Every structure is written in structure tokens, then in C-alpha cells.
Amino acid sequence: MNNRMRWNITLRIWMATIFLGIIMPNPGSGMIALALLSTVFIWVNEVLRKLGISISTSSNKPHSTDTSDKAYKLAVLLEMMDEDEREDFKHQLKNDLISGGDSESLSLDALITEKRKRR
């Protein structure tokens, strides 16, 4: 979100708050508090992001799109393999896991490249 969008949203929040304050016979302080909190969140979030501080609730978990993308690539790769290649893949994965590898050395891109070379 750039500064222009942030100013636009802030202006709309406060215009709506003023408009509702004029229309409502008894405006509560809740509207002003909500507008103030929204404004603070919009601007402080950007400052924290620039400082490298994240206020998101997720802990270093990969995004679901990243995980689903890897799963899709693996499924396509497995469909492209014949039975012998699947057995080789299974043994290679088994050996990598037994040797204590974190399976990062067995990347999908490397397997796809190897599959393309065989053709």
C-alpha cells in the first residue's frame, strides 16, 4: 500500500466518521475511537514494515500457495514418471532421509531437469 492509498483511506475513514457524527443524534465516542484505531493501524503498520518488524500472527510457516505449488509440481512430476523412475525416486528419497538430509538437496527443479534430460 503506497502513501497515496493510505491518505485516501484515512480521509475516507474520517469523512465517514464526521458524516455519521452529524447524522446520528447521539454519536458515541466509539466511532471516534474506531476511526482513530483504524488510522493508527494503517500508518503504524507501514512504519513497522519499513523497520522490518512484522505484526502478522503467522510464525515462519510457508504460505499455503507455496506449499500447494510444490505439491502440484510433485504430482505432475510423479505422473510423468514411469514405474522404474518412481522406484528410483523412492529409493533416492529413502536414502536421503536415512542419511540425515533435510530433503532440500532433493529439489523438485533438479528432478524435473533430470527428467527432461532423459527424453
PDB file of N, CA and C in Angstrom:
ATOM      1  N   MET A   1       0.856  -1.159   0.000  1.00  0.00           N
ATOM      2  CA  MET A   1       0.000   0.000   0.000  1.00  0.00           C
ATOM      3  C   MET A   1       0.908   1.230   0.000  1.00  0.00           C
ATOM      4  N   ASN A   2       0.705   2.111  -0.971  1.00  0.00           N
ATOM      5  CA  ASN A   2       1.529   3.307  -1.036  1.00  0.00           C
ATOM      6  C   ASN A   2       0.909   4.436  -0.205  1.00  0.00           C
ATOM      7  N   ASN A   3       1.644   5.525  -0.066  1.00  0.00           N
ATOM      8  CA  ASN A   3       1.187   6.631   0.776  1.00  0.00           C
ATOM      9  C   ASN A   3      -0.087   7.275   0.250  1.00  0.00           C
ATOM     10  N   ARG A   4      -0.220   7.348  -1.059  1.00  0.00           N
ATOM     11  CA  ARG A   4      -1.427   7.955  -1.630  1.00  0.00           C
ATOM     12  C   ARG A   4      -2.675   7.160  -1.237  1.00  0.00           C
ATOM     13  N   MET A   5      -2.573   5.831  -1.319  1.00  0.00           N
ATOM     14  CA  MET A   5      -3.702   4.979  -0.911  1.00  0.00           C
ATOM     15  C   MET A   5      -3.983   5.145   0.579  1.00  0.00           C
ATOM     16  N   ARG A   6      -2.913   5.205   1.362  1.00  0.00           N
ATOM     17  CA  ARG A   6      -3.072   5.344   2.806  1.00  0.00           C
ATOM     18  C   ARG A   6      -3.770   6.661   3.160  1.00  0.00           C
ATOM     19  N   TRP A   7      -3.363   7.753   2.485  1.00  0.00           N
ATOM     20  CA  TRP A   7      -4.020   9.043   2.721  1.00  0.00           C
ATOM     21  C   TRP A   7      -5.478   8.984   2.294  1.00  0.00           C
ATOM     22  N   ASN A   8      -5.757   8.353   1.174  1.00  0.00           N
ATOM     23  CA  ASN A   8      -7.116   8.237   0.659  1.00  0.00           C
ATOM     24  C   ASN A   8      -8.010   7.471   1.640  1.00  0.00           C
ATOM     25  N   ILE A   9      -7.497   6.354   2.143  1.00  0.00           N
ATOM     26  CA  ILE A   9      -8.274   5.555   3.091  1.00  0.00           C
ATOM     27  C   ILE A   9      -8.483   6.314   4.396  1.00  0.00           C
ATOM     28  N   THR A  10      -7.434   6.986   4.868  1.00  0.00           N
ATOM     29  CA  THR A  10      -7.547   7.764   6.109  1.00  0.00           C
ATOM     30  C   THR A  10      -8.590   8.861   5.953  1.00  0.00           C
ATOM     31  N   LEU A  11      -8.550   9.566   4.824  1.00  0.00           N
ATOM     32  CA  LEU A  11      -9.523  10.634   4.570  1.00  0.00           C
ATOM     33  C   LEU A  11     -10.945  10.086   4.540  1.00  0.00           C
ATOM     34  N   ARG A  12     -11.130   8.954   3.891  1.00  0.00           N
ATOM     35  CA  ARG A  12     -12.475   8.357   3.831  1.00  0.00           C
ATOM     36  C   ARG A  12     -12.974   7.912   5.206  1.00  0.00           C
ATOM     37  N   ILE A  13     -12.070   7.362   6.013  1.00  0.00           N
ATOM     38  CA  ILE A  13     -12.461   6.941   7.368  1.00  0.00           C
ATOM     39  C   ILE A  13     -12.961   8.139   8.163  1.00  0.00           C
ATOM     40  N   TRP A  14     -12.192   9.225   8.135  1.00  0.00           N
ATOM     41  CA  TRP A  14     -12.563  10.392   8.932  1.00  0.00           C
ATOM     42  C   TRP A  14     -13.767  11.129   8.357  1.00  0.00           C
ATOM     43  N   MET A  15     -13.934  11.137   7.026  1.00  0.00           N
ATOM     44  CA  MET A  15     -15.135  11.746   6.438  1.00  0.00           C
ATOM     45  C   MET A  15     -16.381  10.948   6.834  1.00  0.00           C
ATOM     46  N   ALA A  16     -16.280   9.629   6.814  1.00  0.00           N
ATOM     47  CA  ALA A  16     -17.418   8.803   7.230  1.00  0.00           C
ATOM     48  C   ALA A  16     -17.727   9.013   8.702  1.00  0.00           C
ATOM     49  N   THR A  17     -16.690   9.148   9.520  1.00  0.00           N
ATOM     50  CA  THR A  17     -16.901   9.377  10.955  1.00  0.00           C
ATOM     51  C   THR A  17     -17.595  10.712  11.187  1.00  0.00           C
ATOM     52  N   ILE A  18     -17.148  11.755  10.494  1.00  0.00           N
ATOM     53  CA  ILE A  18     -17.779  13.079  10.642  1.00  0.00           C
ATOM     54  C   ILE A  18     -19.203  13.046  10.121  1.00  0.00           C
ATOM     55  N   PHE A  19     -19.429  12.415   8.975  1.00  0.00           N
ATOM     56  CA  PHE A  19     -20.764  12.319   8.392  1.00  0.00           C
ATOM     57  C   PHE A  19     -21.718  11.590   9.330  1.00  0.00           C
ATOM     58  N   LEU A  20     -21.280  10.456   9.883  1.00  0.00           N
ATOM     59  CA  LEU A  20     -22.130   9.718  10.816  1.00  0.00           C
ATOM     60  C   LEU A  20     -22.340  10.500  12.110  1.00  0.00           C
ATOM     61  N   GLY A  21     -21.345  11.271  12.509  1.00  0.00           N
ATOM     62  CA  GLY A  21     -21.485  12.107  13.706  1.00  0.00           C
ATOM     63  C   GLY A  21     -22.522  13.196  13.521  1.00  0.00           C
ATOM     64  N   ILE A  22     -22.647  13.719  12.307  1.00  0.00           N
ATOM     65  CA  ILE A  22     -23.645  14.758  12.026  1.00  0.00           C
ATOM     66  C   ILE A  22     -25.035  14.151  11.929  1.00  0.00           C
ATOM     67  N   ILE A  23     -25.135  12.982  11.283  1.00  0.00           N
ATOM     68  CA  ILE A  23     -26.442  12.355  11.069  1.00  0.00           C
ATOM     69  C   ILE A  23     -27.005  11.764  12.352  1.00  0.00           C
ATOM     70  N   MET A  24     -26.183  11.115  13.118  1.00  0.00           N
ATOM     71  CA  MET A  24     -26.666  10.431  14.321  1.00  0.00           C
ATOM     72  C   MET A  24     -26.950  11.468  15.412  1.00  0.00           C
ATOM     73  N   PRO A  25     -28.092  11.300  16.095  1.00  0.00           N
ATOM     74  CA  PRO A  25     -28.429  12.264  17.145  1.00  0.00           C
ATOM     75  C   PRO A  25     -27.494  12.169  18.356  1.00  0.00           C
ATOM     76  N   ASN A  26     -27.014  10.994  18.634  1.00  0.00           N
ATOM     77  CA  ASN A  26     -26.165  10.787  19.802  1.00  0.00           C
ATOM     78  C   ASN A  26     -24.916   9.997  19.407  1.00  0.00           C
ATOM     79  N   PRO A  27     -23.970  10.638  18.749  1.00  0.00           N
ATOM     80  CA  PRO A  27     -22.793   9.862  18.340  1.00  0.00           C
ATOM     81  C   PRO A  27     -21.961   9.479  19.557  1.00  0.00           C
ATOM     82  N   GLY A  28     -21.586   8.238  19.594  1.00  0.00           N
ATOM     83  CA  GLY A  28     -20.783   7.773  20.713  1.00  0.00           C
ATOM     84  C   GLY A  28     -19.304   7.979  20.443  1.00  0.00           C
ATOM     85  N   SER A  29     -18.544   7.874  21.484  1.00  0.00           N
ATOM     86  CA  SER A  29     -17.104   8.022  21.321  1.00  0.00           C
ATOM     87  C   SER A  29     -16.515   6.777  20.654  1.00  0.00           C
ATOM     88  N   GLY A  30     -17.321   5.753  20.506  1.00  0.00           N
ATOM     89  CA  GLY A  30     -16.866   4.531  19.861  1.00  0.00           C
ATOM     90  C   GLY A  30     -16.499   4.740  18.408  1.00  0.00           C
ATOM     91  N   MET A  31     -17.249   5.601  17.721  1.00  0.00           N
ATOM     92  CA  MET A  31     -16.941   5.883  16.317  1.00  0.00           C
ATOM     93  C   MET A  31     -15.587   6.574  16.194  1.00  0.00           C
ATOM     94  N   ILE A  32     -15.350   7.532  17.051  1.00  0.00           N
ATOM     95  CA  ILE A  32     -14.085   8.264  17.006  1.00  0.00           C
ATOM     96  C   ILE A  32     -12.938   7.330  17.380  1.00  0.00           C
ATOM     97  N   ALA A  33     -13.157   6.491  18.368  1.00  0.00           N
ATOM     98  CA  ALA A  33     -12.120   5.549  18.777  1.00  0.00           C
ATOM     99  C   ALA A  33     -11.814   4.569  17.646  1.00  0.00           C
ATOM    100  N   LEU A  34     -12.852   4.095  16.961  1.00  0.00           N
ATOM    101  CA  LEU A  34     -12.659   3.177  15.842  1.00  0.00           C
ATOM    102  C   LEU A  34     -11.904   3.854  14.698  1.00  0.00           C
ATOM    103  N   ALA A  35     -12.271   5.099  14.400  1.00  0.00           N
ATOM    104  CA  ALA A  35     -11.573   5.833  13.347  1.00  0.00           C
ATOM    105  C   ALA A  35     -10.117   6.064  13.735  1.00  0.00           C
ATOM    106  N   LEU A  36      -9.884   6.401  14.975  1.00  0.00           N
ATOM    107  CA  LEU A  36      -8.519   6.633  15.442  1.00  0.00           C
ATOM    108  C   LEU A  36      -7.687   5.344  15.385  1.00  0.00           C
ATOM    109  N   LEU A  37      -8.267   4.244  15.862  1.00  0.00           N
ATOM    110  CA  LEU A  37      -7.552   2.966  15.811  1.00  0.00           C
ATOM    111  C   LEU A  37      -7.262   2.531  14.377  1.00  0.00           C
ATOM    112  N   SER A  38      -8.224   2.728  13.490  1.00  0.00           N
ATOM    113  CA  SER A  38      -8.014   2.371  12.085  1.00  0.00           C
ATOM    114  C   SER A  38      -6.882   3.194  11.485  1.00  0.00           C
ATOM    115  N   THR A  39      -6.888   4.489  11.774  1.00  0.00           N
ATOM    116  CA  THR A  39      -5.843   5.363  11.259  1.00  0.00           C
ATOM    117  C   THR A  39      -4.479   4.965  11.802  1.00  0.00           C
ATOM    118  N   VAL A  40      -4.417   4.701  13.094  1.00  0.00           N
ATOM    119  CA  VAL A  40      -3.146   4.309  13.702  1.00  0.00           C
ATOM    120  C   VAL A  40      -2.659   2.999  13.096  1.00  0.00           C
ATOM    121  N   PHE A  41      -3.545   2.049  12.921  1.00  0.00           N
ATOM    122  CA  PHE A  41      -3.146   0.761  12.350  1.00  0.00           C
ATOM    123  C   PHE A  41      -2.617   0.930  10.937  1.00  0.00           C
ATOM    124  N   ILE A  42      -3.290   1.731  10.125  1.00  0.00           N
ATOM    125  CA  ILE A  42      -2.871   1.929   8.735  1.00  0.00           C
ATOM    126  C   ILE A  42      -1.463   2.520   8.671  1.00  0.00           C
ATOM    127  N   TRP A  43      -1.193   3.515   9.499  1.00  0.00           N
ATOM    128  CA  TRP A  43       0.093   4.205   9.417  1.00  0.00           C
ATOM    129  C   TRP A  43       1.193   3.506  10.203  1.00  0.00           C
ATOM    130  N   VAL A  44       0.889   2.954  11.363  1.00  0.00           N
ATOM    131  CA  VAL A  44       1.920   2.286  12.159  1.00  0.00           C
ATOM    132  C   VAL A  44       2.354   0.988  11.499  1.00  0.00           C
ATOM    133  N   ASN A  45       1.434   0.306  10.871  1.00  0.00           N
ATOM    134  CA  ASN A  45       1.764  -0.939  10.180  1.00  0.00           C
ATOM    135  C   ASN A  45       2.833  -0.691   9.124  1.00  0.00           C
ATOM    136  N   GLU A  46       2.723   0.411   8.389  1.00  0.00           N
ATOM    137  CA  GLU A  46       3.715   0.733   7.362  1.00  0.00           C
ATOM    138  C   GLU A  46       5.063   1.069   7.985  1.00  0.00           C
ATOM    139  N   VAL A  47       5.061   1.818   9.072  1.00  0.00           N
ATOM    140  CA  VAL A  47       6.311   2.175   9.752  1.00  0.00           C
ATOM    141  C   VAL A  47       7.003   0.914  10.267  1.00  0.00           C
ATOM    142  N   LEU A  48       6.241   0.015  10.868  1.00  0.00           N
ATOM    143  CA  LEU A  48       6.817  -1.227  11.377  1.00  0.00           C
ATOM    144  C   LEU A  48       7.360  -2.090  10.240  1.00  0.00           C
ATOM    145  N   ARG A  49       6.652  -2.106   9.128  1.00  0.00           N
ATOM    146  CA  ARG A  49       7.102  -2.885   7.978  1.00  0.00           C
ATOM    147  C   ARG A  49       8.428  -2.341   7.459  1.00  0.00           C
ATOM    148  N   LYS A  50       8.563  -1.017   7.423  1.00  0.00           N
ATOM    149  CA  LYS A  50       9.817  -0.417   6.958  1.00  0.00           C
ATOM    150  C   LYS A  50      10.962  -0.706   7.919  1.00  0.00           C
ATOM    151  N   LEU A  51      10.647  -0.851   9.189  1.00  0.00           N
ATOM    152  CA  LEU A  51      11.675  -1.177  10.168  1.00  0.00           C
ATOM    153  C   LEU A  51      12.002  -2.664  10.186  1.00  0.00           C
ATOM    154  N   GLY A  52      11.242  -3.456   9.456  1.00  0.00           N
ATOM    155  CA  GLY A  52      11.497  -4.891   9.391  1.00  0.00           C
ATOM    156  C   GLY A  52      10.802  -5.671  10.484  1.00  0.00           C
ATOM    157  N   ILE A  53       9.835  -5.060  11.130  1.00  0.00           N
ATOM    158  CA  ILE A  53       9.087  -5.719  12.193  1.00  0.00           C
ATOM    159  C   ILE A  53       7.739  -6.155  11.629  1.00  0.00           C
ATOM    160  N   SER A  54       7.444  -7.426  11.754  1.00  0.00           N
ATOM    161  CA  SER A  54       6.186  -7.945  11.243  1.00  0.00           C
ATOM    162  C   SER A  54       5.201  -8.139  12.384  1.00  0.00           C
ATOM    163  N   ILE A  55       3.955  -7.708  12.180  1.00  0.00           N
ATOM    164  CA  ILE A  55       2.945  -7.893  13.217  1.00  0.00           C
ATOM    165  C   ILE A  55       1.961  -8.988  12.829  1.00  0.00           C
ATOM    166  N   SER A  56       2.323  -9.778  11.835  1.00  0.00           N
ATOM    167  CA  SER A  56       1.435 -10.867  11.434  1.00  0.00           C
ATOM    168  C   SER A  56       1.450 -11.954  12.494  1.00  0.00           C
ATOM    169  N   THR A  57       0.369 -12.723  12.550  1.00  0.00           N
ATOM    170  CA  THR A  57       0.238 -13.753  13.573  1.00  0.00           C
ATOM    171  C   THR A  57       0.881 -15.063  13.177  1.00  0.00           C
ATOM    172  N   SER A  58       1.229 -15.212  11.893  1.00  0.00           N
ATOM    173  CA  SER A  58       1.804 -16.488  11.480  1.00  0.00           C
ATOM    174  C   SER A  58       3.281 -16.521  11.815  1.00  0.00           C
ATOM    175  N   SER A  59       3.720 -17.660  12.266  1.00  0.00           N
ATOM    176  CA  SER A  59       5.144 -17.846  12.528  1.00  0.00           C
ATOM    177  C   SER A  59       5.760 -18.481  11.315  1.00  0.00           C
ATOM    178  N   ASN A  60       6.932 -18.351  11.034  1.00  0.00           N
ATOM    179  CA  ASN A  60       7.702 -18.760   9.874  1.00  0.00           C
ATOM    180  C   ASN A  60       7.148 -19.966   9.130  1.00  0.00           C
ATOM    181  N   LYS A  61       5.873 -20.028   8.906  1.00  0.00           N
ATOM    182  CA  LYS A  61       5.267 -21.109   8.146  1.00  0.00           C
ATOM    183  C   LYS A  61       5.219 -20.697   6.680  1.00  0.00           C
ATOM    184  N   PRO A  62       5.439 -21.639   5.773  1.00  0.00           N
ATOM    185  CA  PRO A  62       5.338 -21.265   4.367  1.00  0.00           C
ATOM    186  C   PRO A  62       3.897 -20.943   4.010  1.00  0.00           C
ATOM    187  N   HIS A  63       3.719 -20.071   3.058  1.00  0.00           N
ATOM    188  CA  HIS A  63       2.379 -19.721   2.620  1.00  0.00           C
ATOM    189  C   HIS A  63       1.724 -20.936   1.980  1.00  0.00           C
ATOM    190  N   SER A  64       0.424 -20.999   2.099  1.00  0.00           N
ATOM    191  CA  SER A  64      -0.273 -22.161   1.563  1.00  0.00           C
ATOM    192  C   SER A  64      -0.119 -22.244   0.050  1.00  0.00           C
ATOM    193  N   THR A  65       0.021 -21.091  -0.633  1.00  0.00           N
ATOM    194  CA  THR A  65       0.204 -21.138  -2.067  1.00  0.00           C
ATOM    195  C   THR A  65       1.551 -21.749  -2.417  1.00  0.00           C
ATOM    196  N   ASP A  66       2.567 -21.460  -1.599  1.00  0.00           N
ATOM    197  CA  ASP A  66       3.884 -22.043  -1.831  1.00  0.00           C
ATOM    198  C   ASP A  66       3.828 -23.556  -1.645  1.00  0.00           C
ATOM    199  N   THR A  67       3.169 -24.007  -0.598  1.00  0.00           N
ATOM    200  CA  THR A  67       3.043 -25.437  -0.328  1.00  0.00           C
ATOM    201  C   THR A  67       2.222 -26.110  -1.411  1.00  0.00           C
ATOM    202  N   SER A  68       1.111 -25.514  -1.812  1.00  0.00           N
ATOM    203  CA  SER A  68       0.274 -26.135  -2.833  1.00  0.00           C
ATOM    204  C   SER A  68       0.982 -26.140  -4.183  1.00  0.00           C
ATOM    205  N   ASP A  69       1.816 -25.129  -4.447  1.00  0.00           N
ATOM    206  CA  ASP A  69       2.573 -25.105  -5.694  1.00  0.00           C
ATOM    207  C   ASP A  69       3.572 -26.253  -5.736  1.00  0.00           C
ATOM    208  N   LYS A  70       4.262 -26.494  -4.616  1.00  0.00           N
ATOM    209  CA  LYS A  70       5.212 -27.603  -4.556  1.00  0.00           C
ATOM    210  C   LYS A  70       4.494 -28.946  -4.687  1.00  0.00           C
ATOM    211  N   ALA A  71       3.352 -29.064  -4.052  1.00  0.00           N
ATOM    212  CA  ALA A  71       2.590 -30.311  -4.140  1.00  0.00           C
ATOM    213  C   ALA A  71       2.115 -30.558  -5.577  1.00  0.00           C
ATOM    214  N   TYR A  72       1.703 -29.488  -6.243  1.00  0.00           N
ATOM    215  CA  TYR A  72       1.267 -29.628  -7.633  1.00  0.00           C
ATOM    216  C   TYR A  72       2.425 -30.064  -8.521  1.00  0.00           C
ATOM    217  N   LYS A  73       3.598 -29.442  -8.327  1.00  0.00           N
ATOM    218  CA  LYS A  73       4.771 -29.820  -9.123  1.00  0.00           C
ATOM    219  C   LYS A  73       5.141 -31.278  -8.886  1.00  0.00           C
ATOM    220  N   LEU A  74       5.083 -31.699  -7.623  1.00  0.00           N
ATOM    221  CA  LEU A  74       5.411 -33.088  -7.313  1.00  0.00           C
ATOM    222  C   LEU A  74       4.418 -34.042  -7.958  1.00  0.00           C
ATOM    223  N   ALA A  75       3.140 -33.691  -7.915  1.00  0.00           N
ATOM    224  CA  ALA A  75       2.122 -34.553  -8.524  1.00  0.00           C
ATOM    225  C   ALA A  75       2.328 -34.661 -10.029  1.00  0.00           C
ATOM    226  N   VAL A  76       2.634 -33.543 -10.676  1.00  0.00           N
ATOM    227  CA  VAL A  76       2.875 -33.572 -12.120  1.00  0.00           C
ATOM    228  C   VAL A  76       4.113 -34.399 -12.429  1.00  0.00           C
ATOM    229  N   LEU A  77       5.157 -34.208 -11.633  1.00  0.00           N
ATOM    230  CA  LEU A  77       6.386 -34.976 -11.847  1.00  0.00           C
ATOM    231  C   LEU A  77       6.142 -36.471 -11.694  1.00  0.00           C
ATOM    232  N   LEU A  78       5.395 -36.858 -10.673  1.00  0.00           N
ATOM    233  CA  LEU A  78       5.110 -38.276 -10.464  1.00  0.00           C
ATOM    234  C   LEU A  78       4.269 -38.851 -11.599  1.00  0.00           C
ATOM    235  N   GLU A  79       3.365 -38.048 -12.157  1.00  0.00           N
ATOM    236  CA  GLU A  79       2.567 -38.512 -13.285  1.00  0.00           C
ATOM    237  C   GLU A  79       3.425 -38.720 -14.525  1.00  0.00           C
ATOM    238  N   MET A  80       4.465 -37.911 -14.667  1.00  0.00           N
ATOM    239  CA  MET A  80       5.341 -38.014 -15.835  1.00  0.00           C
ATOM    240  C   MET A  80       6.279 -39.219 -15.748  1.00  0.00           C
ATOM    241  N   MET A  81       6.492 -39.730 -14.553  1.00  0.00           N
ATOM    242  CA  MET A  81       7.442 -40.834 -14.369  1.00  0.00           C
ATOM    243  C   MET A  81       6.794 -42.174 -14.687  1.00  0.00           C
ATOM    244  N   ASP A  82       7.622 -43.080 -15.178  1.00  0.00           N
ATOM    245  CA  ASP A  82       7.139 -44.445 -15.323  1.00  0.00           C
ATOM    246  C   ASP A  82       7.467 -45.196 -14.027  1.00  0.00           C
ATOM    247  N   GLU A  83       7.159 -46.468 -13.979  1.00  0.00           N
ATOM    248  CA  GLU A  83       7.326 -47.248 -12.742  1.00  0.00           C
ATOM    249  C   GLU A  83       8.782 -47.307 -12.279  1.00  0.00           C
ATOM    250  N   ASP A  84       9.712 -47.513 -13.225  1.00  0.00           N
ATOM    251  CA  ASP A  84      11.129 -47.591 -12.853  1.00  0.00           C
ATOM    252  C   ASP A  84      11.619 -46.267 -12.274  1.00  0.00           C
ATOM    253  N   GLU A  85      11.206 -45.171 -12.882  1.00  0.00           N
ATOM    254  CA  GLU A  85      11.628 -43.854 -12.382  1.00  0.00           C
ATOM    255  C   GLU A  85      11.039 -43.569 -10.999  1.00  0.00           C
ATOM    256  N   ARG A  86       9.797 -44.002 -10.786  1.00  0.00           N
ATOM    257  CA  ARG A  86       9.191 -43.828  -9.463  1.00  0.00           C
ATOM    258  C   ARG A  86       9.955 -44.622  -8.409  1.00  0.00           C
ATOM    259  N   GLU A  87      10.371 -45.847  -8.754  1.00  0.00           N
ATOM    260  CA  GLU A  87      11.163 -46.662  -7.826  1.00  0.00           C
ATOM    261  C   GLU A  87      12.491 -45.990  -7.530  1.00  0.00           C
ATOM    262  N   ASP A  88      13.155 -45.463  -8.570  1.00  0.00           N
ATOM    263  CA  ASP A  88      14.423 -44.754  -8.362  1.00  0.00           C
ATOM    264  C   ASP A  88      14.218 -43.539  -7.454  1.00  0.00           C
ATOM    265  N   PHE A  89      13.131 -42.813  -7.705  1.00  0.00           N
ATOM    266  CA  PHE A  89      12.818 -41.643  -6.887  1.00  0.00           C
ATOM    267  C   PHE A  89      12.580 -42.045  -5.431  1.00  0.00           C
ATOM    268  N   LYS A  90      11.836 -43.117  -5.249  1.00  0.00           N
ATOM    269  CA  LYS A  90      11.540 -43.605  -3.901  1.00  0.00           C
ATOM    270  C   LYS A  90      12.820 -44.000  -3.174  1.00  0.00           C
ATOM    271  N   HIS A  91      13.696 -44.703  -3.848  1.00  0.00           N
ATOM    272  CA  HIS A  91      14.961 -45.116  -3.224  1.00  0.00           C
ATOM    273  C   HIS A  91      15.866 -43.921  -2.938  1.00  0.00           C
ATOM    274  N   GLN A  92      15.889 -42.964  -3.865  1.00  0.00           N
ATOM    275  CA  GLN A  92      16.707 -41.776  -3.664  1.00  0.00           C
ATOM    276  C   GLN A  92      16.197 -40.975  -2.464  1.00  0.00           C
ATOM    277  N   LEU A  93      14.885 -40.847  -2.362  1.00  0.00           N
ATOM    278  CA  LEU A  93      14.296 -40.138  -1.225  1.00  0.00           C
ATOM    279  C   LEU A  93      14.559 -40.883   0.076  1.00  0.00           C
ATOM    280  N   LYS A  94      14.406 -42.189   0.052  1.00  0.00           N
ATOM    281  CA  LYS A  94      14.666 -43.018   1.232  1.00  0.00           C
ATOM    282  C   LYS A  94      16.112 -42.873   1.681  1.00  0.00           C
ATOM    283  N   ASN A  95      17.047 -42.965   0.743  1.00  0.00           N
ATOM    284  CA  ASN A  95      18.459 -42.826   1.084  1.00  0.00           C
ATOM    285  C   ASN A  95      18.783 -41.437   1.631  1.00  0.00           C
ATOM    286  N   ASP A  96      18.157 -40.434   1.071  1.00  0.00           N
ATOM    287  CA  ASP A  96      18.386 -39.068   1.543  1.00  0.00           C
ATOM    288  C   ASP A  96      17.870 -38.900   2.972  1.00  0.00           C
ATOM    289  N   LEU A  97      16.704 -39.456   3.250  1.00  0.00           N
ATOM    290  CA  LEU A  97      16.142 -39.350   4.600  1.00  0.00           C
ATOM    291  C   LEU A  97      16.960 -40.150   5.616  1.00  0.00           C
ATOM    292  N   ILE A  98      17.436 -41.317   5.218  1.00  0.00           N
ATOM    293  CA  ILE A  98      18.256 -42.140   6.110  1.00  0.00           C
ATOM    294  C   ILE A  98      19.589 -41.469   6.398  1.00  0.00           C
ATOM    295  N   SER A  99      20.164 -40.827   5.376  1.00  0.00           N
ATOM    296  CA  SER A  99      21.464 -40.185   5.570  1.00  0.00           C
ATOM    297  C   SER A  99      21.367 -38.914   6.397  1.00  0.00           C
ATOM    298  N   GLY A 100      20.178 -38.546   6.801  1.00  0.00           N
ATOM    299  CA  GLY A 100      20.001 -37.371   7.663  1.00  0.00           C
ATOM    300  C   GLY A 100      19.811 -36.090   6.900  1.00  0.00           C
ATOM    301  N   GLY A 101      19.642 -36.173   5.610  1.00  0.00           N
ATOM    302  CA  GLY A 101      19.411 -34.970   4.819  1.00  0.00           C
ATOM    303  C   GLY A 101      18.035 -34.408   5.111  1.00  0.00           C
ATOM    304  N   ASP A 102      17.889 -33.137   4.857  1.00  0.00           N
ATOM    305  CA  ASP A 102      16.601 -32.494   5.113  1.00  0.00           C
ATOM    306  C   ASP A 102      15.736 -32.459   3.862  1.00  0.00           C
ATOM    307  N   SER A 103      16.105 -33.243   2.883  1.00  0.00           N
ATOM    308  CA  SER A 103      15.421 -33.375   1.595  1.00  0.00           C
ATOM    309  C   SER A 103      15.445 -32.088   0.786  1.00  0.00           C
ATOM    310  N   GLU A 104      16.175 -31.063   1.241  1.00  0.00           N
ATOM    311  CA  GLU A 104      16.343 -29.871   0.423  1.00  0.00           C
ATOM    312  C   GLU A 104      17.274 -30.161  -0.740  1.00  0.00           C
ATOM    313  N   SER A 105      18.219 -31.108  -0.526  1.00  0.00           N
ATOM    314  CA  SER A 105      19.139 -31.450  -1.603  1.00  0.00           C
ATOM    315  C   SER A 105      18.407 -32.160  -2.738  1.00  0.00           C
ATOM    316  N   LEU A 106      17.236 -32.677  -2.446  1.00  0.00           N
ATOM    317  CA  LEU A 106      16.433 -33.381  -3.435  1.00  0.00           C
ATOM    318  C   LEU A 106      15.332 -32.433  -3.905  1.00  0.00           C
ATOM    319  N   SER A 107      15.694 -31.446  -4.709  1.00  0.00           N
ATOM    320  CA  SER A 107      14.726 -30.436  -5.114  1.00  0.00           C
ATOM    321  C   SER A 107      13.904 -30.915  -6.300  1.00  0.00           C
ATOM    322  N   LEU A 108      12.708 -30.395  -6.376  1.00  0.00           N
ATOM    323  CA  LEU A 108      11.824 -30.755  -7.486  1.00  0.00           C
ATOM    324  C   LEU A 108      12.378 -30.233  -8.804  1.00  0.00           C
ATOM    325  N   ASP A 109      12.973 -29.052  -8.768  1.00  0.00           N
ATOM    326  CA  ASP A 109      13.516 -28.492 -10.002  1.00  0.00           C
ATOM    327  C   ASP A 109      14.617 -29.385 -10.567  1.00  0.00           C
ATOM    328  N   ALA A 110      15.464 -29.918  -9.683  1.00  0.00           N
ATOM    329  CA  ALA A 110      16.530 -30.813 -10.145  1.00  0.00           C
ATOM    330  C   ALA A 110      15.939 -32.082 -10.740  1.00  0.00           C
ATOM    331  N   LEU A 111      14.896 -32.609 -10.123  1.00  0.00           N
ATOM    332  CA  LEU A 111      14.262 -33.823 -10.646  1.00  0.00           C
ATOM    333  C   LEU A 111      13.593 -33.572 -11.990  1.00  0.00           C
ATOM    334  N   ILE A 112      12.954 -32.404 -12.131  1.00  0.00           N
ATOM    335  CA  ILE A 112      12.303 -32.067 -13.403  1.00  0.00           C
ATOM    336  C   ILE A 112      13.355 -31.904 -14.493  1.00  0.00           C
ATOM    337  N   THR A 113      14.456 -31.235 -14.163  1.00  0.00           N
ATOM    338  CA  THR A 113      15.542 -31.065 -15.128  1.00  0.00           C
ATOM    339  C   THR A 113      16.111 -32.409 -15.552  1.00  0.00           C
ATOM    340  N   GLU A 114      16.293 -33.300 -14.585  1.00  0.00           N
ATOM    341  CA  GLU A 114      16.806 -34.634 -14.890  1.00  0.00           C
ATOM    342  C   GLU A 114      15.833 -35.391 -15.780  1.00  0.00           C
ATOM    343  N   LYS A 115      14.544 -35.261 -15.512  1.00  0.00           N
ATOM    344  CA  LYS A 115      13.527 -35.928 -16.322  1.00  0.00           C
ATOM    345  C   LYS A 115      13.549 -35.424 -17.747  1.00  0.00           C
ATOM    346  N   ARG A 116      13.733 -34.101 -17.925  1.00  0.00           N
ATOM    347  CA  ARG A 116      13.778 -33.521 -19.271  1.00  0.00           C
ATOM    348  C   ARG A 116      15.022 -33.981 -20.023  1.00  0.00           C
ATOM    349  N   LYS A 117      16.127 -34.158 -19.308  1.00  0.00           N
ATOM    350  CA  LYS A 117      17.371 -34.603 -19.942  1.00  0.00           C
ATOM    351  C   LYS A 117      17.227 -36.031 -20.475  1.00  0.00           C
ATOM    352  N   ARG A 118      16.440 -36.853 -19.800  1.00  0.00           N
ATOM    353  CA  ARG A 118      16.289 -38.255 -20.201  1.00  0.00           C
ATOM    354  C   ARG A 118      15.531 -38.390 -21.512  1.00  0.00           C
ATOM    355  N   ARG A 119      14.748 -37.420 -21.861  1.00  0.00           N
ATOM    356  CA  ARG A 119      13.915 -37.511 -23.074  1.00  0.00           C
ATOM    357  C   ARG A 119      14.661 -37.144 -24.296  1.00  0.00           C
TER     358      ARG A 119
END
